[in-house]
Amino acid sequence: MTLKRLERGDTGVLVIDIQERLYAHVERSCEMFHATKIFVQAMNILDVPMVVTEQYPEKMGKTLLQLREELPEDRCPYFSKTTFSCLGDDKIKEHILSLPYSNWVLVGMEAHVCILQTAIDLLQNGKGVVVINDAITSRSIYDFSTAIAELRDWGARVTSVETVLFELLTDSKASEFKQISQLIK
């Protein structure tokens, strides 16, 4: 798929497995959480739809409470899964592919497992994939850096929170510009 600029009406977000038990063991956890929280708050302001997944929540815990507060279940569907790729679960795959978005932005954990496998499956289903470098992580910096290289090799775009926010805004005269600017200061 040819990369194209992200547009609000054609973009969905997957918040993947940012869960209690794994969070304590990943690299750059505070930085990743801070970037993810800003990103999720901005997606709420911009009214970009989000889908949340939890990897085997009975063992790994729920999505971090501070993030769940920004991801209300009445606005963001939550799915539990045991597959590493979000699209490996039939219910999640059916939901995501039924939505009218040709681009998906991925944030979450772990970069070299669930993020990478989900990105590959989305790409193989004809979707554009953007991975937010500062809003993903792994337990090992080596696995993280390997994931970044593999994501690019597969054809995913790797960028940052601020890049995506301003790309979706498109203009400093956008009504949401001031709110978004306040988030990143």
C-alpha atoms as a PDB file:
ATOM      1  CA  MET A   1       0.000   0.000   0.000  1.00  0.00           C
ATOM      2  CA  THR A   2       1.268   3.455  -0.871  1.00  0.00           C
ATOM      3  CA  LEU A   3       1.708   5.706   2.129  1.00  0.00           C
ATOM      4  CA  LYS A   4      -0.522   8.725   2.256  1.00  0.00           C
ATOM      5  CA  ARG A   5      -1.120  11.585   4.633  1.00  0.00           C
ATOM      6  CA  LEU A   6      -3.332  10.773   7.618  1.00  0.00           C
ATOM      7  CA  GLU A   7      -6.790  12.323   7.590  1.00  0.00           C
ATOM      8  CA  ARG A   8      -9.241  12.354  10.477  1.00  0.00           C
ATOM      9  CA  GLY A   9     -12.133  10.674   8.688  1.00  0.00           C
ATOM     10  CA  ASP A  10      -9.930   7.877   7.369  1.00  0.00           C
ATOM     11  CA  THR A  11      -7.881   7.020  10.463  1.00  0.00           C
ATOM     12  CA  GLY A  12      -8.456   4.744  13.439  1.00  0.00           C
ATOM     13  CA  VAL A  13      -6.239   4.105  16.466  1.00  0.00           C
ATOM     14  CA  LEU A  14      -5.375   0.809  18.132  1.00  0.00           C
ATOM     15  CA  VAL A  15      -4.275   1.055  21.775  1.00  0.00           C
ATOM     16  CA  ILE A  16      -2.613  -2.316  22.261  1.00  0.00           C
ATOM     17  CA  ASP A  17      -2.078  -4.079  25.589  1.00  0.00           C
ATOM     18  CA  ILE A  18      -0.931  -1.270  27.886  1.00  0.00           C
ATOM     19  CA  GLN A  19      -1.596  -3.401  30.941  1.00  0.00           C
ATOM     20  CA  GLU A  20      -0.774  -3.370  34.628  1.00  0.00           C
ATOM     21  CA  ARG A  21       1.462  -6.437  34.990  1.00  0.00           C
ATOM     22  CA  LEU A  22       3.586  -5.926  31.889  1.00  0.00           C
ATOM     23  CA  TYR A  23       3.988  -2.161  32.268  1.00  0.00           C
ATOM     24  CA  ALA A  24       6.360  -2.494  35.231  1.00  0.00           C
ATOM     25  CA  HIS A  25       8.806  -4.511  33.124  1.00  0.00           C
ATOM     26  CA  VAL A  26       9.145  -2.483  29.929  1.00  0.00           C
ATOM     27  CA  GLU A  27      11.848  -0.036  28.902  1.00  0.00           C
ATOM     28  CA  ARG A  28      11.023   3.693  28.955  1.00  0.00           C
ATOM     29  CA  SER A  29       7.680   2.983  30.650  1.00  0.00           C
ATOM     30  CA  CYS A  30       7.188   6.538  31.966  1.00  0.00           C
ATOM     31  CA  GLU A  31       8.094   8.177  28.654  1.00  0.00           C
ATOM     32  CA  MET A  32       5.902   5.766  26.685  1.00  0.00           C
ATOM     33  CA  PHE A  33       2.979   6.280  29.063  1.00  0.00           C
ATOM     34  CA  HIS A  34       3.307  10.083  28.930  1.00  0.00           C
ATOM     35  CA  ALA A  35       3.407  10.101  25.111  1.00  0.00           C
ATOM     36  CA  THR A  36       0.497   7.662  24.888  1.00  0.00           C
ATOM     37  CA  LYS A  37      -1.655   9.629  27.303  1.00  0.00           C
ATOM     38  CA  ILE A  38      -1.086  12.868  25.352  1.00  0.00           C
ATOM     39  CA  PHE A  39      -1.851  11.032  22.119  1.00  0.00           C
ATOM     40  CA  VAL A  40      -5.073   9.490  23.461  1.00  0.00           C
ATOM     41  CA  GLN A  41      -6.223  12.829  24.896  1.00  0.00           C
ATOM     42  CA  ALA A  42      -5.571  14.456  21.519  1.00  0.00           C
ATOM     43  CA  MET A  43      -7.479  11.712  19.685  1.00  0.00           C
ATOM     44  CA  ASN A  44     -10.433  12.415  21.972  1.00  0.00           C
ATOM     45  CA  ILE A  45     -10.228  16.132  21.134  1.00  0.00           C
ATOM     46  CA  LEU A  46      -9.957  15.368  17.408  1.00  0.00           C
ATOM     47  CA  ASP A  47     -12.718  12.743  17.649  1.00  0.00           C
ATOM     48  CA  VAL A  48     -10.571  10.026  16.077  1.00  0.00           C
ATOM     49  CA  PRO A  49     -11.976   6.567  16.924  1.00  0.00           C
ATOM     50  CA  MET A  50      -9.932   4.245  19.121  1.00  0.00           C
ATOM     51  CA  VAL A  51     -10.062   0.507  19.804  1.00  0.00           C
ATOM     52  CA  VAL A  52      -8.416  -0.930  22.936  1.00  0.00           C
ATOM     53  CA  THR A  53      -7.035  -4.453  23.320  1.00  0.00           C
ATOM     54  CA  GLU A  54      -5.902  -6.345  26.394  1.00  0.00           C
ATOM     55  CA  GLN A  55      -3.678  -9.420  26.167  1.00  0.00           C
ATOM     56  CA  TYR A  56      -5.066 -12.166  28.409  1.00  0.00           C
ATOM     57  CA  PRO A  57      -6.271  -9.688  31.063  1.00  0.00           C
ATOM     58  CA  GLU A  58      -6.963 -12.456  33.605  1.00  0.00           C
ATOM     59  CA  LYS A  59      -3.187 -12.898  33.897  1.00  0.00           C
ATOM     60  CA  MET A  60      -1.791  -9.576  32.622  1.00  0.00           C
ATOM     61  CA  GLY A  61      -4.268  -7.215  34.297  1.00  0.00           C
ATOM     62  CA  LYS A  62      -6.407  -4.511  32.759  1.00  0.00           C
ATOM     63  CA  THR A  63      -5.347  -1.436  30.821  1.00  0.00           C
ATOM     64  CA  LEU A  64      -3.590   1.020  33.160  1.00  0.00           C
ATOM     65  CA  LEU A  65      -6.190   2.910  35.186  1.00  0.00           C
ATOM     66  CA  GLN A  66      -4.760   6.338  34.295  1.00  0.00           C
ATOM     67  CA  LEU A  67      -5.193   5.452  30.628  1.00  0.00           C
ATOM     68  CA  ARG A  68      -8.624   3.801  31.023  1.00  0.00           C
ATOM     69  CA  GLU A  69      -9.858   7.156  32.341  1.00  0.00           C
ATOM     70  CA  GLU A  70      -9.013   8.637  28.913  1.00  0.00           C
ATOM     71  CA  LEU A  71     -10.504   5.674  27.042  1.00  0.00           C
ATOM     72  CA  PRO A  72     -14.138   5.429  28.183  1.00  0.00           C
ATOM     73  CA  GLU A  73     -15.763   2.144  27.194  1.00  0.00           C
ATOM     74  CA  ASP A  74     -18.824   3.948  25.810  1.00  0.00           C
ATOM     75  CA  ARG A  75     -16.529   5.625  23.245  1.00  0.00           C
ATOM     76  CA  CYS A  76     -13.790   3.022  22.780  1.00  0.00           C
ATOM     77  CA  PRO A  77     -14.555  -0.678  22.400  1.00  0.00           C
ATOM     78  CA  TYR A  78     -12.359  -2.949  24.528  1.00  0.00           C
ATOM     79  CA  PHE A  79     -11.394  -6.435  23.375  1.00  0.00           C
ATOM     80  CA  SER A  80      -9.528  -9.117  25.291  1.00  0.00           C
ATOM     81  CA  LYS A  81      -7.349 -11.482  23.295  1.00  0.00           C
ATOM     82  CA  THR A  82      -4.880 -14.302  23.599  1.00  0.00           C
ATOM     83  CA  THR A  83      -3.444 -13.952  20.089  1.00  0.00           C
ATOM     84  CA  PHE A  84      -0.456 -11.678  19.709  1.00  0.00           C
ATOM     85  CA  SER A  85      -1.775  -9.957  16.592  1.00  0.00           C
ATOM     86  CA  CYS A  86      -5.010  -8.091  17.189  1.00  0.00           C
ATOM     87  CA  LEU A  87      -6.173  -9.456  13.838  1.00  0.00           C
ATOM     88  CA  GLY A  88      -5.422 -12.996  14.993  1.00  0.00           C
ATOM     89  CA  ASP A  89      -8.603 -12.793  17.062  1.00  0.00           C
ATOM     90  CA  ASP A  90     -11.687 -13.203  14.842  1.00  0.00           C
ATOM     91  CA  LYS A  91     -13.870 -10.726  16.787  1.00  0.00           C
ATOM     92  CA  ILE A  92     -11.231  -8.004  16.751  1.00  0.00           C
ATOM     93  CA  LYS A  93     -10.364  -8.635  13.102  1.00  0.00           C
ATOM     94  CA  GLU A  94     -14.022  -8.478  12.090  1.00  0.00           C
ATOM     95  CA  HIS A  95     -14.529  -5.251  14.048  1.00  0.00           C
ATOM     96  CA  ILE A  96     -11.434  -3.495  12.695  1.00  0.00           C
ATOM     97  CA  LEU A  97     -11.918  -4.544   9.076  1.00  0.00           C
ATOM     98  CA  SER A  98     -15.596  -3.532   9.191  1.00  0.00           C
ATOM     99  CA  LEU A  99     -14.650   0.051  10.027  1.00  0.00           C
ATOM    100  CA  PRO A 100     -14.252   2.500   7.129  1.00  0.00           C
ATOM    101  CA  TYR A 101     -10.639   3.457   7.891  1.00  0.00           C
ATOM    102  CA  SER A 102      -7.813   2.731   5.499  1.00  0.00           C
ATOM    103  CA  ASN A 103      -5.172   3.898   8.011  1.00  0.00           C
ATOM    104  CA  TRP A 104      -4.494   2.608  11.511  1.00  0.00           C
ATOM    105  CA  VAL A 105      -2.208   4.222  14.068  1.00  0.00           C
ATOM    106  CA  LEU A 106      -0.718   1.835  16.642  1.00  0.00           C
ATOM    107  CA  VAL A 107       0.425   2.566  20.195  1.00  0.00           C
ATOM    108  CA  GLY A 108       1.161   0.150  23.020  1.00  0.00           C
ATOM    109  CA  MET A 109       3.179  -2.888  24.040  1.00  0.00           C
ATOM    110  CA  GLU A 110       5.158  -4.886  23.131  1.00  0.00           C
ATOM    111  CA  ALA A 111       6.733  -3.476  19.994  1.00  0.00           C
ATOM    112  CA  HIS A 112       8.369  -6.712  18.819  1.00  0.00           C
ATOM    113  CA  VAL A 113       5.357  -8.940  19.471  1.00  0.00           C
ATOM    114  CA  CYS A 114       1.804  -7.565  19.455  1.00  0.00           C
ATOM    115  CA  ILE A 115       2.560  -4.260  17.716  1.00  0.00           C
ATOM    116  CA  LEU A 116       4.694  -5.896  14.999  1.00  0.00           C
ATOM    117  CA  GLN A 117       2.322  -8.808  14.342  1.00  0.00           C
ATOM    118  CA  THR A 118      -0.722  -6.517  14.270  1.00  0.00           C
ATOM    119  CA  ALA A 119       1.043  -4.135  11.873  1.00  0.00           C
ATOM    120  CA  ILE A 120       1.950  -7.004   9.534  1.00  0.00           C
ATOM    121  CA  ASP A 121      -1.628  -8.311   9.520  1.00  0.00           C
ATOM    122  CA  LEU A 122      -3.072  -4.845   8.889  1.00  0.00           C
ATOM    123  CA  LEU A 123      -0.640  -4.295   6.019  1.00  0.00           C
ATOM    124  CA  GLN A 124      -1.505  -7.694   4.551  1.00  0.00           C
ATOM    125  CA  ASN A 125      -5.170  -6.660   4.687  1.00  0.00           C
ATOM    126  CA  GLY A 126      -4.452  -3.550   2.622  1.00  0.00           C
ATOM    127  CA  LYS A 127      -4.406  -1.029   5.474  1.00  0.00           C
ATOM    128  CA  GLY A 128      -1.903   1.754   5.976  1.00  0.00           C
ATOM    129  CA  VAL A 129      -0.064   1.443   9.281  1.00  0.00           C
ATOM    130  CA  VAL A 130       1.537   4.203  11.312  1.00  0.00           C
ATOM    131  CA  VAL A 131       3.394   3.258  14.486  1.00  0.00           C
ATOM    132  CA  ILE A 132       4.078   5.948  17.062  1.00  0.00           C
ATOM    133  CA  ASN A 133       7.728   5.471  18.028  1.00  0.00           C
ATOM    134  CA  ASP A 134       7.486   7.318  21.358  1.00  0.00           C
ATOM    135  CA  ALA A 135       4.220   5.561  22.329  1.00  0.00           C
ATOM    136  CA  ILE A 136       5.394   1.946  21.963  1.00  0.00           C
ATOM    137  CA  THR A 137       7.883  -0.065  23.992  1.00  0.00           C
ATOM    138  CA  SER A 138       9.236  -3.531  24.792  1.00  0.00           C
ATOM    139  CA  ARG A 139      10.883  -5.172  27.782  1.00  0.00           C
ATOM    140  CA  SER A 140      14.226  -4.954  25.993  1.00  0.00           C
ATOM    141  CA  ILE A 141      15.638  -2.016  24.069  1.00  0.00           C
ATOM    142  CA  TYR A 142      17.096  -4.575  21.630  1.00  0.00           C
ATOM    143  CA  ASP A 143      13.645  -6.017  20.913  1.00  0.00           C
ATOM    144  CA  PHE A 144      12.294  -2.471  20.549  1.00  0.00           C
ATOM    145  CA  SER A 145      14.960  -1.440  18.033  1.00  0.00           C
ATOM    146  CA  THR A 146      14.566  -4.701  16.120  1.00  0.00           C
ATOM    147  CA  ALA A 147      10.807  -4.088  15.942  1.00  0.00           C
ATOM    148  CA  ILE A 148      11.322  -0.577  14.522  1.00  0.00           C
ATOM    149  CA  ALA A 149      13.551  -1.978  11.766  1.00  0.00           C
ATOM    150  CA  GLU A 150      11.132  -4.800  10.972  1.00  0.00           C
ATOM    151  CA  LEU A 151       8.127  -2.460  10.944  1.00  0.00           C
ATOM    152  CA  ARG A 152       9.853  -0.320   8.329  1.00  0.00           C
ATOM    153  CA  ASP A 153      10.894  -3.400   6.343  1.00  0.00           C
ATOM    154  CA  TRP A 154       7.252  -4.524   6.218  1.00  0.00           C
ATOM    155  CA  GLY A 155       6.134  -1.080   5.015  1.00  0.00           C
ATOM    156  CA  ALA A 156       4.777   0.562   8.155  1.00  0.00           C
ATOM    157  CA  ARG A 157       5.438   4.232   8.754  1.00  0.00           C
ATOM    158  CA  VAL A 158       7.245   4.949  12.036  1.00  0.00           C
ATOM    159  CA  THR A 159       6.842   8.475  13.414  1.00  0.00           C
ATOM    160  CA  SER A 160       6.161  10.444  16.601  1.00  0.00           C
ATOM    161  CA  VAL A 161       3.161  11.671  18.574  1.00  0.00           C
ATOM    162  CA  GLU A 162       3.664  15.312  17.604  1.00  0.00           C
ATOM    163  CA  THR A 163       4.092  14.500  13.926  1.00  0.00           C
ATOM    164  CA  VAL A 164       0.755  12.672  13.809  1.00  0.00           C
ATOM    165  CA  LEU A 165      -1.052  15.320  15.877  1.00  0.00           C
ATOM    166  CA  PHE A 166      -0.058  18.168  13.587  1.00  0.00           C
ATOM    167  CA  GLU A 167      -0.682  16.063  10.491  1.00  0.00           C
ATOM    168  CA  LEU A 168      -4.261  15.393  11.648  1.00  0.00           C
ATOM    169  CA  LEU A 169      -4.746  19.065  12.584  1.00  0.00           C
ATOM    170  CA  THR A 170      -3.380  20.281   9.191  1.00  0.00           C
ATOM    171  CA  ASP A 171      -3.736  23.989  10.076  1.00  0.00           C
ATOM    172  CA  SER A 172      -2.997  26.221  13.061  1.00  0.00           C
ATOM    173  CA  LYS A 173      -6.414  27.758  12.466  1.00  0.00           C
ATOM    174  CA  ALA A 174      -8.125  24.443  13.251  1.00  0.00           C
ATOM    175  CA  SER A 175     -10.565  24.853  16.140  1.00  0.00           C
ATOM    176  CA  GLU A 176      -8.730  22.191  18.175  1.00  0.00           C
ATOM    177  CA  PHE A 177      -5.250  23.669  17.679  1.00  0.00           C
ATOM    178  CA  LYS A 178      -5.096  25.489  21.010  1.00  0.00           C
ATOM    179  CA  GLN A 179      -6.202  22.430  22.993  1.00  0.00           C
ATOM    180  CA  ILE A 180      -3.686  20.208  21.220  1.00  0.00           C
ATOM    181  CA  SER A 181      -0.907  22.775  21.717  1.00  0.00           C
ATOM    182  CA  GLN A 182      -1.630  22.841  25.449  1.00  0.00           C
ATOM    183  CA  LEU A 183      -1.265  19.058  25.643  1.00  0.00           C
ATOM    184  CA  ILE A 184       2.242  19.024  24.187  1.00  0.00           C
ATOM    185  CA  LYS A 185       3.681  21.992  26.067  1.00  0.00           C
END
